[in-house]
Amino acid sequence: MRLRLRFLWLILSSFWKKPLDLLEESVLNLRVLPNDVDVTKISNDRYVALMDLGRMDVGFRVGLREAMVKKKWGPLVTFHTIRFRYPLKVFQKYKLKTRIIWWDDTTFYWEQIFEREGRVLATGNVSSTLMNKNGQIPSKIMIEETGQTVTKPEEPEVIARLREVERLVHETQKDN
């Protein structure tokens, strides 16, 4: 994670932020800093790093922070896409909205939206999991650690298609 100071602030602030339900949206109010931009706008790779912060905020606030530390669970993005629509420039304020929209046996699927003054600037769809030294943690175990009871939503079409692309990419990498 390249955003160490922001990540430290996220950890500290998670102790006093309101807990979230598993399917509730997290909203981070952020500002483009000079080290976020390439020449004139926020760099593409910075969006991906910022999305890590959004997912960690959800993880901490749904009750996984303690399990992640005690059980040495680490997050891993298994696949992501991002669609850029409008640029963010230095010192502009924006929101990063993050929510879980579906899960399978080992993977959570996320929607992450960068928004400024009500305008969607970029949208990311991410699949991620938590891992330990033995591999992926089953989603059922992760949900149990939150202490929440939740009904799994219907799989959105965008996730079904994302999973198709993910399978295709995985198949092309088998020979490498």
C-alpha atoms as a PDB file:
ATOM      1  CA  MET A   1       0.000   0.000   0.000  1.00  0.00           C
ATOM      2  CA  ARG A   2       1.511   3.287  -1.161  1.00  0.00           C
ATOM      3  CA  LEU A   3      -0.693   5.548   0.890  1.00  0.00           C
ATOM      4  CA  ARG A   4       0.845   4.928   4.279  1.00  0.00           C
ATOM      5  CA  LEU A   5      -0.223   8.142   6.036  1.00  0.00           C
ATOM      6  CA  ARG A   6      -3.772   7.905   4.716  1.00  0.00           C
ATOM      7  CA  PHE A   7      -3.833   4.234   5.725  1.00  0.00           C
ATOM      8  CA  LEU A   8      -2.611   5.059   9.224  1.00  0.00           C
ATOM      9  CA  TRP A   9      -5.341   7.693   9.516  1.00  0.00           C
ATOM     10  CA  LEU A  10      -7.892   5.119   8.259  1.00  0.00           C
ATOM     11  CA  ILE A  11      -6.832   2.647  10.968  1.00  0.00           C
ATOM     12  CA  LEU A  12      -6.980   5.260  13.730  1.00  0.00           C
ATOM     13  CA  SER A  13     -10.294   6.734  12.599  1.00  0.00           C
ATOM     14  CA  SER A  14     -11.885   3.270  12.363  1.00  0.00           C
ATOM     15  CA  PHE A  15     -11.917   3.157  16.177  1.00  0.00           C
ATOM     16  CA  TRP A  16     -14.423   6.017  16.416  1.00  0.00           C
ATOM     17  CA  LYS A  17     -16.305   5.735  13.124  1.00  0.00           C
ATOM     18  CA  LYS A  18     -19.767   4.217  13.139  1.00  0.00           C
ATOM     19  CA  PRO A  19     -19.699   0.461  12.446  1.00  0.00           C
ATOM     20  CA  LEU A  20     -21.168  -0.641   9.121  1.00  0.00           C
ATOM     21  CA  ASP A  21     -23.507  -3.436   8.176  1.00  0.00           C
ATOM     22  CA  LEU A  22     -21.893  -5.784   5.649  1.00  0.00           C
ATOM     23  CA  LEU A  23     -23.909  -4.423   2.715  1.00  0.00           C
ATOM     24  CA  GLU A  24     -23.751  -0.788   3.808  1.00  0.00           C
ATOM     25  CA  GLU A  25     -21.802   1.784   1.808  1.00  0.00           C
ATOM     26  CA  SER A  26     -18.622   3.403   3.104  1.00  0.00           C
ATOM     27  CA  VAL A  27     -17.942   6.988   2.066  1.00  0.00           C
ATOM     28  CA  LEU A  28     -14.459   8.449   2.369  1.00  0.00           C
ATOM     29  CA  ASN A  29     -14.144  12.209   1.911  1.00  0.00           C
ATOM     30  CA  LEU A  30     -10.790  12.803   0.255  1.00  0.00           C
ATOM     31  CA  ARG A  31      -8.753  15.503  -1.457  1.00  0.00           C
ATOM     32  CA  VAL A  32      -6.288  15.185  -4.331  1.00  0.00           C
ATOM     33  CA  LEU A  33      -2.825  15.854  -2.932  1.00  0.00           C
ATOM     34  CA  PRO A  34       0.176  16.989  -4.997  1.00  0.00           C
ATOM     35  CA  ASN A  35       1.756  13.514  -4.767  1.00  0.00           C
ATOM     36  CA  ASP A  36      -1.430  12.002  -6.291  1.00  0.00           C
ATOM     37  CA  VAL A  37      -1.042  13.724  -9.658  1.00  0.00           C
ATOM     38  CA  ASP A  38       1.165  12.947 -12.618  1.00  0.00           C
ATOM     39  CA  VAL A  39       1.327  16.118 -14.711  1.00  0.00           C
ATOM     40  CA  THR A  40      -2.117  17.683 -14.468  1.00  0.00           C
ATOM     41  CA  LYS A  41      -4.476  15.072 -13.028  1.00  0.00           C
ATOM     42  CA  ILE A  42      -4.618  12.231 -10.533  1.00  0.00           C
ATOM     43  CA  SER A  43      -2.634   9.301 -11.916  1.00  0.00           C
ATOM     44  CA  ASN A  44      -4.378   6.080 -12.943  1.00  0.00           C
ATOM     45  CA  ASP A  45      -2.439   3.944 -10.484  1.00  0.00           C
ATOM     46  CA  ARG A  46      -3.425   6.233  -7.604  1.00  0.00           C
ATOM     47  CA  TYR A  47      -7.105   5.443  -8.186  1.00  0.00           C
ATOM     48  CA  VAL A  48      -6.343   1.756  -7.617  1.00  0.00           C
ATOM     49  CA  ALA A  49      -4.392   2.505  -4.420  1.00  0.00           C
ATOM     50  CA  LEU A  50      -7.205   4.717  -3.133  1.00  0.00           C
ATOM     51  CA  MET A  51      -9.687   1.932  -3.816  1.00  0.00           C
ATOM     52  CA  ASP A  52      -7.640  -0.224  -1.402  1.00  0.00           C
ATOM     53  CA  LEU A  53      -8.413   2.350   1.297  1.00  0.00           C
ATOM     54  CA  GLY A  54     -12.144   2.142   0.601  1.00  0.00           C
ATOM     55  CA  ARG A  55     -12.194  -1.640   0.928  1.00  0.00           C
ATOM     56  CA  MET A  56     -10.092  -1.543   4.100  1.00  0.00           C
ATOM     57  CA  ASP A  57     -12.505   1.005   5.582  1.00  0.00           C
ATOM     58  CA  VAL A  58     -15.385  -1.402   4.981  1.00  0.00           C
ATOM     59  CA  GLY A  59     -13.402  -4.353   6.364  1.00  0.00           C
ATOM     60  CA  PHE A  60     -12.483  -2.525   9.559  1.00  0.00           C
ATOM     61  CA  ARG A  61     -15.948  -1.085  10.115  1.00  0.00           C
ATOM     62  CA  VAL A  62     -17.855  -4.342   9.558  1.00  0.00           C
ATOM     63  CA  GLY A  63     -15.769  -5.956  12.296  1.00  0.00           C
ATOM     64  CA  LEU A  64     -12.854  -7.689  10.548  1.00  0.00           C
ATOM     65  CA  ARG A  65      -9.994  -5.542  11.899  1.00  0.00           C
ATOM     66  CA  GLU A  66      -9.354  -7.721  14.952  1.00  0.00           C
ATOM     67  CA  ALA A  67      -9.542 -11.012  13.023  1.00  0.00           C
ATOM     68  CA  MET A  68      -7.195  -9.649  10.357  1.00  0.00           C
ATOM     69  CA  VAL A  69      -4.587  -8.821  12.995  1.00  0.00           C
ATOM     70  CA  LYS A  70      -4.980 -11.845  15.288  1.00  0.00           C
ATOM     71  CA  LYS A  71      -5.362 -14.437  12.532  1.00  0.00           C
ATOM     72  CA  LYS A  72      -2.884 -12.754  10.170  1.00  0.00           C
ATOM     73  CA  TRP A  73      -5.394 -12.421   7.365  1.00  0.00           C
ATOM     74  CA  GLY A  74      -4.206 -10.228   4.526  1.00  0.00           C
ATOM     75  CA  PRO A  75      -6.292  -8.757   1.709  1.00  0.00           C
ATOM     76  CA  LEU A  76      -5.672  -9.742  -1.901  1.00  0.00           C
ATOM     77  CA  VAL A  77      -7.317  -8.264  -4.984  1.00  0.00           C
ATOM     78  CA  THR A  78      -7.906 -11.085  -7.443  1.00  0.00           C
ATOM     79  CA  PHE A  79      -9.266  -8.970 -10.305  1.00  0.00           C
ATOM     80  CA  HIS A  80     -10.340  -5.397 -10.950  1.00  0.00           C
ATOM     81  CA  THR A  81     -11.581  -3.059 -13.620  1.00  0.00           C
ATOM     82  CA  ILE A  82     -11.956   0.680 -13.575  1.00  0.00           C
ATOM     83  CA  ARG A  83     -13.737   3.017 -15.949  1.00  0.00           C
ATOM     84  CA  PHE A  84     -12.510   6.594 -15.981  1.00  0.00           C
ATOM     85  CA  ARG A  85     -14.906   9.335 -17.045  1.00  0.00           C
ATOM     86  CA  TYR A  86     -13.611  12.675 -15.752  1.00  0.00           C
ATOM     87  CA  PRO A  87     -10.251  13.644 -14.247  1.00  0.00           C
ATOM     88  CA  LEU A  88      -9.525  14.832 -10.739  1.00  0.00           C
ATOM     89  CA  LYS A  89      -7.079  17.706 -10.409  1.00  0.00           C
ATOM     90  CA  VAL A  90      -4.819  18.731  -7.556  1.00  0.00           C
ATOM     91  CA  PHE A  91      -6.554  19.935  -4.361  1.00  0.00           C
ATOM     92  CA  GLN A  92     -10.053  18.967  -5.556  1.00  0.00           C
ATOM     93  CA  LYS A  93     -12.304  17.330  -2.952  1.00  0.00           C
ATOM     94  CA  TYR A  94     -14.091  14.100  -3.849  1.00  0.00           C
ATOM     95  CA  LYS A  95     -15.823  11.104  -2.313  1.00  0.00           C
ATOM     96  CA  LEU A  96     -14.928   7.441  -2.644  1.00  0.00           C
ATOM     97  CA  LYS A  97     -18.007   5.275  -2.168  1.00  0.00           C
ATOM     98  CA  THR A  98     -17.383   1.588  -1.542  1.00  0.00           C
ATOM     99  CA  ARG A  99     -19.761  -1.294  -1.040  1.00  0.00           C
ATOM    100  CA  ILE A 100     -19.875  -5.074  -1.269  1.00  0.00           C
ATOM    101  CA  ILE A 101     -22.383  -6.096  -3.927  1.00  0.00           C
ATOM    102  CA  TRP A 102     -22.035  -9.898  -3.965  1.00  0.00           C
ATOM    103  CA  TRP A 103     -19.825 -12.816  -2.864  1.00  0.00           C
ATOM    104  CA  ASP A 104     -19.103 -16.427  -3.716  1.00  0.00           C
ATOM    105  CA  ASP A 105     -17.384 -19.098  -1.615  1.00  0.00           C
ATOM    106  CA  THR A 106     -14.077 -17.229  -1.239  1.00  0.00           C
ATOM    107  CA  THR A 107     -14.406 -13.862  -2.942  1.00  0.00           C
ATOM    108  CA  PHE A 108     -16.181 -10.572  -2.303  1.00  0.00           C
ATOM    109  CA  TYR A 109     -17.191  -8.367  -5.217  1.00  0.00           C
ATOM    110  CA  TRP A 110     -17.151  -4.616  -4.739  1.00  0.00           C
ATOM    111  CA  GLU A 111     -18.410  -1.505  -6.445  1.00  0.00           C
ATOM    112  CA  GLN A 112     -16.294   1.607  -5.882  1.00  0.00           C
ATOM    113  CA  ILE A 113     -17.318   5.016  -7.168  1.00  0.00           C
ATOM    114  CA  PHE A 114     -15.279   8.216  -7.247  1.00  0.00           C
ATOM    115  CA  GLU A 115     -17.662  11.153  -7.116  1.00  0.00           C
ATOM    116  CA  ARG A 116     -17.292  14.934  -7.041  1.00  0.00           C
ATOM    117  CA  GLU A 117     -20.213  17.290  -6.529  1.00  0.00           C
ATOM    118  CA  GLY A 118     -22.660  14.507  -7.437  1.00  0.00           C
ATOM    119  CA  ARG A 119     -20.862  13.616 -10.675  1.00  0.00           C
ATOM    120  CA  VAL A 120     -19.439  10.098 -11.130  1.00  0.00           C
ATOM    121  CA  LEU A 121     -15.769  10.435 -12.130  1.00  0.00           C
ATOM    122  CA  ALA A 122     -14.698   6.793 -12.162  1.00  0.00           C
ATOM    123  CA  THR A 123     -16.238   3.437 -11.301  1.00  0.00           C
ATOM    124  CA  GLY A 124     -14.324   0.350 -10.241  1.00  0.00           C
ATOM    125  CA  ASN A 125     -15.455  -3.234  -9.839  1.00  0.00           C
ATOM    126  CA  VAL A 126     -13.154  -5.384  -7.759  1.00  0.00           C
ATOM    127  CA  SER A 127     -12.982  -8.981  -6.608  1.00  0.00           C
ATOM    128  CA  SER A 128     -10.959  -9.598  -3.469  1.00  0.00           C
ATOM    129  CA  THR A 129     -10.431 -12.076  -0.702  1.00  0.00           C
ATOM    130  CA  LEU A 130      -8.596 -12.448   2.583  1.00  0.00           C
ATOM    131  CA  MET A 131      -5.691 -14.875   2.746  1.00  0.00           C
ATOM    132  CA  ASN A 132      -3.592 -16.562   5.381  1.00  0.00           C
ATOM    133  CA  LYS A 133      -0.605 -18.882   5.011  1.00  0.00           C
ATOM    134  CA  ASN A 134      -2.973 -21.721   4.014  1.00  0.00           C
ATOM    135  CA  GLY A 135      -4.743 -19.820   1.239  1.00  0.00           C
ATOM    136  CA  GLN A 136      -8.045 -18.041   0.826  1.00  0.00           C
ATOM    137  CA  ILE A 137     -10.399 -17.648   3.772  1.00  0.00           C
ATOM    138  CA  PRO A 138     -13.936 -18.847   2.935  1.00  0.00           C
ATOM    139  CA  SER A 139     -16.472 -16.018   2.717  1.00  0.00           C
ATOM    140  CA  LYS A 140     -18.668 -17.802   5.248  1.00  0.00           C
ATOM    141  CA  ILE A 141     -15.847 -17.611   7.837  1.00  0.00           C
ATOM    142  CA  MET A 142     -15.222 -13.933   7.100  1.00  0.00           C
ATOM    143  CA  ILE A 143     -18.920 -13.142   7.534  1.00  0.00           C
ATOM    144  CA  GLU A 144     -19.044 -15.132  10.795  1.00  0.00           C
ATOM    145  CA  GLU A 145     -16.125 -13.037  12.109  1.00  0.00           C
ATOM    146  CA  THR A 146     -18.195  -9.872  11.619  1.00  0.00           C
ATOM    147  CA  GLY A 147     -20.887 -11.229  13.939  1.00  0.00           C
ATOM    148  CA  GLN A 148     -23.500 -10.144  11.408  1.00  0.00           C
ATOM    149  CA  THR A 149     -26.332 -12.092   9.859  1.00  0.00           C
ATOM    150  CA  VAL A 150     -26.803 -11.145   6.244  1.00  0.00           C
ATOM    151  CA  THR A 151     -28.757 -12.420   3.272  1.00  0.00           C
ATOM    152  CA  LYS A 152     -26.657 -12.830   0.169  1.00  0.00           C
ATOM    153  CA  PRO A 153     -27.922 -10.535  -2.602  1.00  0.00           C
ATOM    154  CA  GLU A 154     -28.633 -11.701  -6.144  1.00  0.00           C
ATOM    155  CA  GLU A 155     -25.563 -11.663  -8.362  1.00  0.00           C
ATOM    156  CA  PRO A 156     -25.589  -8.416 -10.370  1.00  0.00           C
ATOM    157  CA  GLU A 157     -25.107  -8.747 -14.131  1.00  0.00           C
ATOM    158  CA  VAL A 158     -21.931  -6.651 -14.006  1.00  0.00           C
ATOM    159  CA  ILE A 159     -20.398  -9.175 -11.592  1.00  0.00           C
ATOM    160  CA  ALA A 160     -21.456 -12.164 -13.695  1.00  0.00           C
ATOM    161  CA  ARG A 161     -19.734 -10.572 -16.681  1.00  0.00           C
ATOM    162  CA  LEU A 162     -16.688  -9.601 -14.634  1.00  0.00           C
ATOM    163  CA  ARG A 163     -16.386 -13.226 -13.527  1.00  0.00           C
ATOM    164  CA  GLU A 164     -16.518 -14.344 -17.176  1.00  0.00           C
ATOM    165  CA  VAL A 165     -13.650 -11.997 -18.045  1.00  0.00           C
ATOM    166  CA  GLU A 166     -11.740 -13.138 -14.959  1.00  0.00           C
ATOM    167  CA  ARG A 167     -12.145 -16.796 -16.015  1.00  0.00           C
ATOM    168  CA  LEU A 168     -10.975 -15.961 -19.539  1.00  0.00           C
ATOM    169  CA  VAL A 169      -7.868 -14.165 -18.264  1.00  0.00           C
ATOM    170  CA  HIS A 170      -7.146 -17.031 -15.867  1.00  0.00           C
ATOM    171  CA  GLU A 171      -7.430 -19.601 -18.690  1.00  0.00           C
ATOM    172  CA  THR A 172      -4.957 -17.681 -20.845  1.00  0.00           C
ATOM    173  CA  GLN A 173      -2.424 -17.671 -17.982  1.00  0.00           C
ATOM    174  CA  LYS A 174      -2.500 -21.436 -17.327  1.00  0.00           C
ATOM    175  CA  ASP A 175       0.291 -22.141 -19.814  1.00  0.00           C
ATOM    176  CA  ASN A 176       2.601 -19.439 -18.424  1.00  0.00           C
END
